[in-house]
PDB file of all heavy atoms in Angstrom:
ATOM      1  N   PRO A   1      42.156  23.669 -41.466  1.00  0.00           N
ATOM      2  CA  PRO A   1      41.702  22.765 -42.523  1.00  0.00           C
ATOM      3  C   PRO A   1      40.180  22.820 -42.695  1.00  0.00           C
ATOM      4  O   PRO A   1      39.471  23.394 -41.867  1.00  0.00           O
ATOM      5  CB  PRO A   1      42.150  21.395 -42.021  1.00  0.00           C
ATOM      6  CG  PRO A   1      42.142  21.526 -40.520  1.00  0.00           C
ATOM      7  CD  PRO A   1      42.558  22.929 -40.247  1.00  0.00           C
ATOM      8  N   LEU A   2      39.716  22.213 -43.789  1.00  0.00           N
ATOM      9  CA  LEU A   2      38.277  22.158 -44.069  1.00  0.00           C
ATOM     10  C   LEU A   2      37.848  20.690 -44.103  1.00  0.00           C
ATOM     11  O   LEU A   2      37.645  20.095 -45.159  1.00  0.00           O
ATOM     12  CB  LEU A   2      37.961  22.839 -45.407  1.00  0.00           C
ATOM     13  CG  LEU A   2      38.162  24.352 -45.466  1.00  0.00           C
ATOM     14  CD1 LEU A   2      37.933  24.875 -46.880  1.00  0.00           C
ATOM     15  CD2 LEU A   2      37.223  25.066 -44.489  1.00  0.00           C
ATOM     16  N   GLU A   3      37.736  20.091 -42.896  1.00  0.00           N
ATOM     17  CA  GLU A   3      37.291  18.708 -42.830  1.00  0.00           C
ATOM     18  C   GLU A   3      35.910  18.563 -43.467  1.00  0.00           C
ATOM     19  O   GLU A   3      35.091  19.466 -43.399  1.00  0.00           O
ATOM     20  CB  GLU A   3      37.233  18.211 -41.381  1.00  0.00           C
ATOM     21  CG  GLU A   3      38.579  18.147 -40.690  1.00  0.00           C
ATOM     22  CD  GLU A   3      38.881  19.386 -39.882  1.00  0.00           C
ATOM     23  OE1 GLU A   3      38.262  20.446 -40.156  1.00  0.00           O
ATOM     24  OE2 GLU A   3      39.740  19.309 -38.989  1.00  0.00           O
ATOM     25  N   HIS A   4      35.669  17.418 -44.077  1.00  0.00           N
ATOM     26  CA  HIS A   4      34.433  17.099 -44.790  1.00  0.00           C
ATOM     27  C   HIS A   4      34.343  17.826 -46.133  1.00  0.00           C
ATOM     28  O   HIS A   4      33.256  17.921 -46.717  1.00  0.00           O
ATOM     29  CB  HIS A   4      33.180  17.413 -43.952  1.00  0.00           C
ATOM     30  CG  HIS A   4      33.236  16.883 -42.553  1.00  0.00           C
ATOM     31  ND1 HIS A   4      33.231  15.546 -42.275  1.00  0.00           N
ATOM     32  CD2 HIS A   4      33.322  17.525 -41.348  1.00  0.00           C
ATOM     33  CE1 HIS A   4      33.299  15.367 -40.959  1.00  0.00           C
ATOM     34  NE2 HIS A   4      33.363  16.545 -40.380  1.00  0.00           N
ATOM     35  N   CYS A   5      35.496  18.335 -46.628  1.00  0.00           N
ATOM     36  CA  CYS A   5      35.478  18.948 -47.956  1.00  0.00           C
ATOM     37  C   CYS A   5      35.139  17.881 -48.997  1.00  0.00           C
ATOM     38  O   CYS A   5      35.523  16.725 -48.867  1.00  0.00           O
ATOM     39  CB  CYS A   5      36.815  19.609 -48.265  1.00  0.00           C
ATOM     40  SG  CYS A   5      38.259  18.529 -48.085  1.00  0.00           S
ATOM     41  N   ASP A   6      34.413  18.282 -50.019  1.00  0.00           N
ATOM     42  CA  ASP A   6      33.897  17.323 -51.001  1.00  0.00           C
ATOM     43  C   ASP A   6      34.139  17.884 -52.399  1.00  0.00           C
ATOM     44  O   ASP A   6      35.266  18.117 -52.792  1.00  0.00           O
ATOM     45  CB  ASP A   6      32.416  17.057 -50.704  1.00  0.00           C
ATOM     46  CG  ASP A   6      31.921  15.717 -51.237  1.00  0.00           C
ATOM     47  OD1 ASP A   6      32.384  15.302 -52.305  1.00  0.00           O
ATOM     48  OD2 ASP A   6      31.061  15.091 -50.588  1.00  0.00           O
ATOM     49  N   GLY A   7      33.074  18.162 -53.158  1.00  0.00           N
ATOM     50  CA  GLY A   7      33.235  18.667 -54.510  1.00  0.00           C
ATOM     51  C   GLY A   7      33.753  20.093 -54.532  1.00  0.00           C
ATOM     52  O   GLY A   7      33.510  20.885 -53.613  1.00  0.00           O
ATOM     53  N   LEU A   8      34.470  20.429 -55.616  1.00  0.00           N
ATOM     54  CA  LEU A   8      35.057  21.754 -55.785  1.00  0.00           C
ATOM     55  C   LEU A   8      34.563  22.383 -57.084  1.00  0.00           C
ATOM     56  O   LEU A   8      34.265  21.696 -58.053  1.00  0.00           O
ATOM     57  CB  LEU A   8      36.584  21.664 -55.842  1.00  0.00           C
ATOM     58  CG  LEU A   8      37.316  20.931 -54.713  1.00  0.00           C
ATOM     59  CD1 LEU A   8      38.820  20.918 -55.013  1.00  0.00           C
ATOM     60  CD2 LEU A   8      37.037  21.574 -53.369  1.00  0.00           C
ATOM     61  N   ALA A   9      34.528  23.714 -57.103  1.00  0.00           N
ATOM     62  CA  ALA A   9      34.296  24.472 -58.331  1.00  0.00           C
ATOM     63  C   ALA A   9      35.199  25.687 -58.278  1.00  0.00           C
ATOM     64  O   ALA A   9      35.468  26.230 -57.200  1.00  0.00           O
ATOM     65  CB  ALA A   9      32.829  24.901 -58.453  1.00  0.00           C
ATOM     66  N   ILE A  10      35.689  26.127 -59.437  1.00  0.00           N
ATOM     67  CA  ILE A  10      36.614  27.252 -59.460  1.00  0.00           C
ATOM     68  C   ILE A  10      36.178  28.276 -60.487  1.00  0.00           C
ATOM     69  O   ILE A  10      35.669  27.942 -61.563  1.00  0.00           O
ATOM     70  CB  ILE A  10      38.060  26.758 -59.725  1.00  0.00           C
ATOM     71  CG1 ILE A  10      39.070  27.844 -59.378  1.00  0.00           C
ATOM     72  CG2 ILE A  10      38.223  26.230 -61.153  1.00  0.00           C
ATOM     73  CD1 ILE A  10      40.485  27.327 -59.211  1.00  0.00           C
ATOM     74  N   ASP A  11      36.354  29.552 -60.141  1.00  0.00           N
ATOM     75  CA  ASP A  11      36.034  30.677 -61.021  1.00  0.00           C
ATOM     76  C   ASP A  11      37.148  31.701 -60.851  1.00  0.00           C
ATOM     77  O   ASP A  11      37.170  32.435 -59.870  1.00  0.00           O
ATOM     78  CB  ASP A  11      34.673  31.267 -60.652  1.00  0.00           C
ATOM     79  CG  ASP A  11      34.302  32.443 -61.539  1.00  0.00           C
ATOM     80  OD1 ASP A  11      34.807  32.508 -62.675  1.00  0.00           O
ATOM     81  OD2 ASP A  11      33.521  33.300 -61.095  1.00  0.00           O
ATOM     82  N   GLY A  12      38.093  31.718 -61.801  1.00  0.00           N
ATOM     83  CA  GLY A  12      39.262  32.577 -61.625  1.00  0.00           C
ATOM     84  C   GLY A  12      40.076  32.085 -60.443  1.00  0.00           C
ATOM     85  O   GLY A  12      40.453  30.915 -60.373  1.00  0.00           O
ATOM     86  N   THR A  13      40.324  32.973 -59.495  1.00  0.00           N
ATOM     87  CA  THR A  13      41.063  32.582 -58.290  1.00  0.00           C
ATOM     88  C   THR A  13      40.131  32.286 -57.117  1.00  0.00           C
ATOM     89  O   THR A  13      40.600  32.112 -55.990  1.00  0.00           O
ATOM     90  CB  THR A  13      42.057  33.679 -57.886  1.00  0.00           C
ATOM     91  OG1 THR A  13      41.354  34.908 -57.680  1.00  0.00           O
ATOM     92  CG2 THR A  13      43.127  33.876 -58.954  1.00  0.00           C
ATOM     93  N   THR A  14      38.841  32.221 -57.370  1.00  0.00           N
ATOM     94  CA  THR A  14      37.876  31.883 -56.318  1.00  0.00           C
ATOM     95  C   THR A  14      37.549  30.402 -56.378  1.00  0.00           C
ATOM     96  O   THR A  14      37.072  29.903 -57.394  1.00  0.00           O
ATOM     97  CB  THR A  14      36.588  32.702 -56.450  1.00  0.00           C
ATOM     98  OG1 THR A  14      36.892  34.101 -56.360  1.00  0.00           O
ATOM     99  CG2 THR A  14      35.605  32.342 -55.340  1.00  0.00           C
ATOM    100  N   LEU A  15      37.827  29.712 -55.286  1.00  0.00           N
ATOM    101  CA  LEU A  15      37.543  28.283 -55.175  1.00  0.00           C
ATOM    102  C   LEU A  15      36.350  28.090 -54.249  1.00  0.00           C
ATOM    103  O   LEU A  15      36.341  28.600 -53.128  1.00  0.00           O
ATOM    104  CB  LEU A  15      38.761  27.544 -54.606  1.00  0.00           C
ATOM    105  CG  LEU A  15      38.614  26.038 -54.379  1.00  0.00           C
ATOM    106  CD1 LEU A  15      38.524  25.302 -55.714  1.00  0.00           C
ATOM    107  CD2 LEU A  15      39.778  25.503 -53.542  1.00  0.00           C
ATOM    108  N   TYR A  16      35.355  27.359 -54.735  1.00  0.00           N
ATOM    109  CA  TYR A  16      34.179  27.027 -53.922  1.00  0.00           C
ATOM    110  C   TYR A  16      34.312  25.580 -53.468  1.00  0.00           C
ATOM    111  O   TYR A  16      34.592  24.689 -54.280  1.00  0.00           O
ATOM    112  CB  TYR A  16      32.900  27.198 -54.728  1.00  0.00           C
ATOM    113  CG  TYR A  16      32.635  28.623 -55.177  1.00  0.00           C
ATOM    114  CD1 TYR A  16      32.973  29.045 -56.459  1.00  0.00           C
ATOM    115  CD2 TYR A  16      32.046  29.544 -54.308  1.00  0.00           C
ATOM    116  CE1 TYR A  16      32.727  30.346 -56.875  1.00  0.00           C
ATOM    117  CE2 TYR A  16      31.794  30.853 -54.715  1.00  0.00           C
ATOM    118  CZ  TYR A  16      32.143  31.238 -56.003  1.00  0.00           C
ATOM    119  OH  TYR A  16      31.911  32.534 -56.410  1.00  0.00           O
ATOM    120  N   VAL A  17      34.113  25.351 -52.172  1.00  0.00           N
ATOM    121  CA  VAL A  17      34.305  24.031 -51.584  1.00  0.00           C
ATOM    122  C   VAL A  17      33.018  23.573 -50.911  1.00  0.00           C
ATOM    123  O   VAL A  17      32.536  24.234 -49.976  1.00  0.00           O
ATOM    124  CB  VAL A  17      35.442  24.053 -50.536  1.00  0.00           C
ATOM    125  CG1 VAL A  17      35.670  22.651 -49.975  1.00  0.00           C
ATOM    126  CG2 VAL A  17      36.721  24.633 -51.121  1.00  0.00           C
ATOM    127  N   ALA A  18      32.439  22.473 -51.372  1.00  0.00           N
ATOM    128  CA  ALA A  18      31.287  21.896 -50.678  1.00  0.00           C
ATOM    129  C   ALA A  18      31.803  21.220 -49.410  1.00  0.00           C
ATOM    130  O   ALA A  18      32.621  20.305 -49.483  1.00  0.00           O
ATOM    131  CB  ALA A  18      30.570  20.894 -51.574  1.00  0.00           C
ATOM    132  N   VAL A  19      31.325  21.678 -48.257  1.00  0.00           N
ATOM    133  CA  VAL A  19      31.728  21.092 -46.975  1.00  0.00           C
ATOM    134  C   VAL A  19      30.499  20.346 -46.470  1.00  0.00           C
ATOM    135  O   VAL A  19      29.622  20.909 -45.814  1.00  0.00           O
ATOM    136  CB  VAL A  19      32.198  22.165 -45.986  1.00  0.00           C
ATOM    137  CG1 VAL A  19      32.775  21.517 -44.726  1.00  0.00           C
ATOM    138  CG2 VAL A  19      33.249  23.064 -46.633  1.00  0.00           C
ATOM    139  N   ASN A  20      30.417  19.056 -46.816  1.00  0.00           N
ATOM    140  CA  ASN A  20      29.153  18.341 -46.731  1.00  0.00           C
ATOM    141  C   ASN A  20      28.542  18.261 -45.330  1.00  0.00           C
ATOM    142  O   ASN A  20      27.393  18.642 -45.121  1.00  0.00           O
ATOM    143  CB  ASN A  20      29.285  16.945 -47.363  1.00  0.00           C
ATOM    144  CG  ASN A  20      30.418  16.108 -46.786  1.00  0.00           C
ATOM    145  OD1 ASN A  20      30.688  16.124 -45.592  1.00  0.00           O
ATOM    146  ND2 ASN A  20      31.063  15.335 -47.655  1.00  0.00           N
ATOM    147  N   ALA A  21      29.288  17.767 -44.347  1.00  0.00           N
ATOM    148  CA  ALA A  21      28.716  17.566 -43.013  1.00  0.00           C
ATOM    149  C   ALA A  21      28.425  18.881 -42.294  1.00  0.00           C
ATOM    150  O   ALA A  21      27.656  18.907 -41.325  1.00  0.00           O
ATOM    151  CB  ALA A  21      29.650  16.712 -42.158  1.00  0.00           C
ATOM    152  N   ARG A  22      29.010  19.976 -42.771  1.00  0.00           N
ATOM    153  CA  ARG A  22      28.724  21.290 -42.178  1.00  0.00           C
ATOM    154  C   ARG A  22      27.576  21.993 -42.902  1.00  0.00           C
ATOM    155  O   ARG A  22      27.191  23.105 -42.536  1.00  0.00           O
ATOM    156  CB  ARG A  22      29.972  22.170 -42.224  1.00  0.00           C
ATOM    157  CG  ARG A  22      31.145  21.649 -41.387  1.00  0.00           C
ATOM    158  CD  ARG A  22      32.297  22.632 -41.446  1.00  0.00           C
ATOM    159  NE  ARG A  22      33.496  22.112 -40.816  1.00  0.00           N
ATOM    160  CZ  ARG A  22      34.679  22.724 -40.843  1.00  0.00           C
ATOM    161  NH1 ARG A  22      34.813  23.877 -41.502  1.00  0.00           N
ATOM    162  NH2 ARG A  22      35.720  22.184 -40.236  1.00  0.00           N
ATOM    163  N   HIS A  23      27.097  21.382 -43.966  1.00  0.00           N
ATOM    164  CA  HIS A  23      25.970  21.939 -44.735  1.00  0.00           C
ATOM    165  C   HIS A  23      26.281  23.363 -45.201  1.00  0.00           C
ATOM    166  O   HIS A  23      25.452  24.269 -45.085  1.00  0.00           O
ATOM    167  CB  HIS A  23      24.679  21.913 -43.904  1.00  0.00           C
ATOM    168  CG  HIS A  23      24.335  20.554 -43.382  1.00  0.00           C
ATOM    169  ND1 HIS A  23      23.724  19.596 -44.156  1.00  0.00           N
ATOM    170  CD2 HIS A  23      24.542  19.981 -42.174  1.00  0.00           C
ATOM    171  CE1 HIS A  23      23.559  18.484 -43.440  1.00  0.00           C
ATOM    172  NE2 HIS A  23      24.068  18.696 -42.232  1.00  0.00           N
ATOM    173  N   GLU A  24      27.478  23.543 -45.760  1.00  0.00           N
ATOM    174  CA  GLU A  24      27.878  24.877 -46.202  1.00  0.00           C
ATOM    175  C   GLU A  24      28.852  24.784 -47.365  1.00  0.00           C
ATOM    176  O   GLU A  24      29.368  23.714 -47.697  1.00  0.00           O
ATOM    177  CB  GLU A  24      28.525  25.652 -45.049  1.00  0.00           C
ATOM    178  CG  GLU A  24      29.846  25.073 -44.582  1.00  0.00           C
ATOM    179  CD  GLU A  24      30.428  25.805 -43.386  1.00  0.00           C
ATOM    180  OE1 GLU A  24      29.649  26.391 -42.602  1.00  0.00           O
ATOM    181  OE2 GLU A  24      31.673  25.776 -43.228  1.00  0.00           O
ATOM    182  N   ILE A  25      29.093  25.939 -47.977  1.00  0.00           N
ATOM    183  CA  ILE A  25      30.091  26.082 -49.023  1.00  0.00           C
ATOM    184  C   ILE A  25      31.139  27.069 -48.528  1.00  0.00           C
ATOM    185  O   ILE A  25      30.805  28.196 -48.150  1.00  0.00           O
ATOM    186  CB  ILE A  25      29.473  26.589 -50.337  1.00  0.00           C
ATOM    187  CG1 ILE A  25      28.469  25.566 -50.877  1.00  0.00           C
ATOM    188  CG2 ILE A  25      30.553  26.874 -51.380  1.00  0.00           C
ATOM    189  CD1 ILE A  25      27.606  26.092 -51.988  1.00  0.00           C
TER     190      ILE A  25
END
C-alpha cells in the first residue's frame, strides 16, 4: 500500500500519487 497517499493526477495510464509524509510522488 501507499500510506499517506493524498492528491492524485493521471496522464493516460500513468497515475501520479502525492505521498505527503514521505515527501515524494
